Amino acid sequence: MRRAEFERLVEDAWREIPRRFRQRVENVAILVEDEPGRRALRQAGVPPGDTLLGFYQGVPLTERGSWYQMVLPDRILLYQGPIEREARDEADIPRVVYETLWHELAHYFGMSEPEVRASERKRRKRERNNGKNMDRSPVAGSRSG
């Protein structure tokens, strides 16, 4: 998929995030890169052979204080290659983009990796119980940091 088309999917995913969360996001740049670099993999503690779909770099809202002024934006990086490989097919890419963006926003809001994964499991269970077959896990078989 061409980068411009992928970036449009990211913009669409952003618009799908509930407004009550989008309105709370400040000083964050959402960027697309081809693949995660060694540094990002190391920072996220990703074992060899695994990868990242996305990565949050910054100071979570829960850790910001009065000192948090005049700082460069936090970054949410979405990695196009791993996301495309994670998707079942091209039609599934928007789902993986959306789920990965949500995952990284959860880190921005202060959730740890175990908390994010537990929340994702609860949401999938709730969706199954409500008769929805959303299967929105972007991390099955790979890692999102």
Protein backbone atom coordinates (compact mmCIF):
# COMPACT_ATOMS: atom_id res chain seq x y z
CA MET A 1 0.00 0.00 0.00
CA ARG A 2 1.30 3.47 -0.80
CA ARG A 3 2.24 5.68 2.14
CA ALA A 4 -0.37 8.34 1.33
CA GLU A 5 -3.16 5.75 1.38
CA PHE A 6 -1.88 4.31 4.66
CA GLU A 7 -1.73 7.80 6.19
CA ARG A 8 -5.37 8.33 5.17
CA LEU A 9 -6.23 5.15 7.08
CA VAL A 10 -4.47 6.61 10.12
CA GLU A 11 -6.49 9.83 9.77
CA ASP A 12 -9.69 7.79 9.47
CA ALA A 13 -8.73 5.76 12.55
CA TRP A 14 -8.12 8.98 14.49
CA ARG A 15 -11.62 10.21 13.62
CA GLU A 16 -13.05 6.88 14.86
CA ILE A 17 -11.50 7.32 18.32
CA PRO A 18 -14.33 8.52 20.59
CA ARG A 19 -14.43 12.30 20.84
CA ARG A 20 -14.15 12.28 24.65
CA PHE A 21 -10.65 10.80 24.25
CA ARG A 22 -9.57 12.81 21.21
CA GLN A 23 -10.40 16.05 23.02
CA ARG A 24 -7.99 15.14 25.82
CA VAL A 25 -5.01 14.50 23.52
CA GLU A 26 -2.54 17.39 23.54
CA ASN A 27 0.98 17.82 22.27
CA VAL A 28 1.13 14.48 20.45
CA ALA A 29 2.31 13.85 16.90
CA ILE A 30 0.99 10.72 15.20
CA LEU A 31 3.55 9.55 12.66
CA VAL A 32 3.93 6.68 10.21
CA GLU A 33 7.24 4.89 9.71
CA ASP A 34 8.05 1.87 7.56
CA GLU A 35 9.49 -0.39 10.26
CA PRO A 36 10.53 -0.06 13.91
CA GLY A 37 14.23 0.59 14.40
CA ARG A 38 16.49 -1.34 16.75
CA ARG A 39 16.27 1.41 19.35
CA ALA A 40 12.46 1.30 19.50
CA LEU A 41 12.49 -2.49 19.68
CA ARG A 42 15.03 -2.37 22.49
CA GLN A 43 13.12 0.36 24.39
CA ALA A 44 9.92 -1.66 24.16
CA GLY A 45 11.68 -4.83 25.30
CA VAL A 46 10.71 -6.71 22.16
CA PRO A 47 12.49 -10.07 21.88
CA PRO A 48 14.38 -11.00 18.70
CA GLY A 49 12.05 -12.17 15.97
CA ASP A 50 9.12 -10.11 17.27
CA THR A 51 8.15 -6.64 16.13
CA LEU A 52 6.10 -3.59 17.02
CA LEU A 53 2.96 -2.36 15.33
CA GLY A 54 3.15 0.96 17.12
CA PHE A 55 5.12 2.76 19.80
CA TYR A 56 4.34 5.62 22.18
CA GLN A 57 7.24 7.91 23.08
CA GLY A 58 6.65 10.63 25.60
CA VAL A 59 5.36 11.54 29.03
CA PRO A 60 1.97 9.97 29.80
CA LEU A 61 -0.74 12.31 31.04
CA THR A 62 -0.66 10.65 34.45
CA GLU A 63 3.00 11.66 34.90
CA ARG A 64 2.78 15.26 33.73
CA GLY A 65 3.09 18.00 36.29
CA SER A 66 3.62 21.74 36.41
CA TRP A 67 7.09 21.18 34.94
CA TYR A 68 5.52 19.91 31.68
CA GLN A 69 5.85 23.10 29.64
CA MET A 70 7.60 24.08 26.46
CA VAL A 71 8.36 20.48 25.50
CA LEU A 72 8.47 18.82 22.12
CA PRO A 73 5.39 16.78 21.25
CA ASP A 74 5.06 13.19 22.37
CA ARG A 75 5.02 10.77 19.46
CA ILE A 76 2.83 7.87 18.51
CA LEU A 77 4.58 5.90 15.80
CA LEU A 78 2.60 3.50 13.63
CA TYR A 79 4.72 1.05 11.64
CA GLN A 80 3.25 0.42 8.22
CA GLY A 81 5.14 -2.78 7.37
CA PRO A 82 4.27 -4.72 10.54
CA ILE A 83 0.66 -3.47 10.46
CA GLU A 84 0.22 -4.62 6.87
CA ARG A 85 1.74 -8.01 7.70
CA GLU A 86 -0.50 -8.37 10.78
CA ALA A 87 -3.66 -7.76 8.76
CA ARG A 88 -5.40 -10.81 7.32
CA ASP A 89 -5.72 -9.03 3.98
CA GLU A 90 -5.77 -5.49 2.63
CA ALA A 91 -9.37 -4.97 3.75
CA ASP A 92 -8.27 -5.77 7.33
CA ILE A 93 -5.57 -3.07 7.46
CA PRO A 94 -7.95 -0.32 8.72
CA ARG A 95 -8.90 -2.52 11.70
CA VAL A 96 -5.29 -3.11 12.63
CA VAL A 97 -4.45 0.59 12.23
CA TYR A 98 -7.38 1.55 14.47
CA GLU A 99 -6.54 -1.00 17.15
CA THR A 100 -2.87 -0.06 17.14
CA LEU A 101 -3.67 3.65 17.44
CA TRP A 102 -6.05 2.91 20.34
CA HIS A 103 -3.36 0.81 22.01
CA GLU A 104 -0.77 3.58 21.81
CA LEU A 105 -3.26 6.21 22.98
CA ALA A 106 -3.88 4.06 26.05
CA HIS A 107 -0.17 4.41 26.85
CA TYR A 108 -0.47 8.18 26.38
CA PHE A 109 -3.31 8.16 28.92
CA GLY A 110 -1.03 6.36 31.37
CA MET A 111 -1.82 2.69 31.01
CA SER A 112 1.01 0.16 31.27
CA GLU A 113 1.41 -2.63 28.72
CA PRO A 114 -0.24 -5.23 31.01
CA GLU A 115 -3.12 -2.82 31.70
CA VAL A 116 -3.62 -2.12 27.99
CA ARG A 117 -3.65 -5.83 27.13
CA ALA A 118 -6.09 -6.61 29.98
CA SER A 119 -8.37 -3.82 28.76
CA GLU A 120 -8.21 -5.18 25.20
CA ARG A 121 -9.15 -8.66 26.44
CA LYS A 122 -12.12 -7.26 28.39
CA ARG A 123 -13.31 -5.29 25.37
CA ARG A 124 -13.10 -8.34 23.09
CA LYS A 125 -15.02 -10.43 25.64
CA ARG A 126 -17.68 -7.71 25.94
CA GLU A 127 -17.98 -7.54 22.13
CA ARG A 128 -18.35 -11.33 21.89
CA ASN A 129 -21.03 -11.27 24.60
CA ASN A 130 -22.86 -8.52 22.71
CA GLY A 131 -22.86 -10.62 19.55
CA LYS A 132 -20.19 -8.62 17.76
CA ASN A 133 -17.37 -10.49 16.07
CA MET A 134 -14.94 -7.58 15.97
CA ASP A 135 -11.71 -9.57 16.54
CA ARG A 136 -9.81 -6.31 16.88
CA SER A 137 -6.59 -7.50 18.49
CA PRO A 138 -3.64 -5.85 16.76
CA VAL A 139 -1.20 -7.77 18.91
CA ALA A 140 -1.95 -11.39 18.19
CA GLY A 141 1.41 -12.87 17.29
CA SER A 142 3.28 -9.60 17.52
CA ARG A 143 3.81 -6.73 19.89
CA SER A 144 2.57 -3.22 20.06
CA GLY A 145 4.39 -1.11 22.57
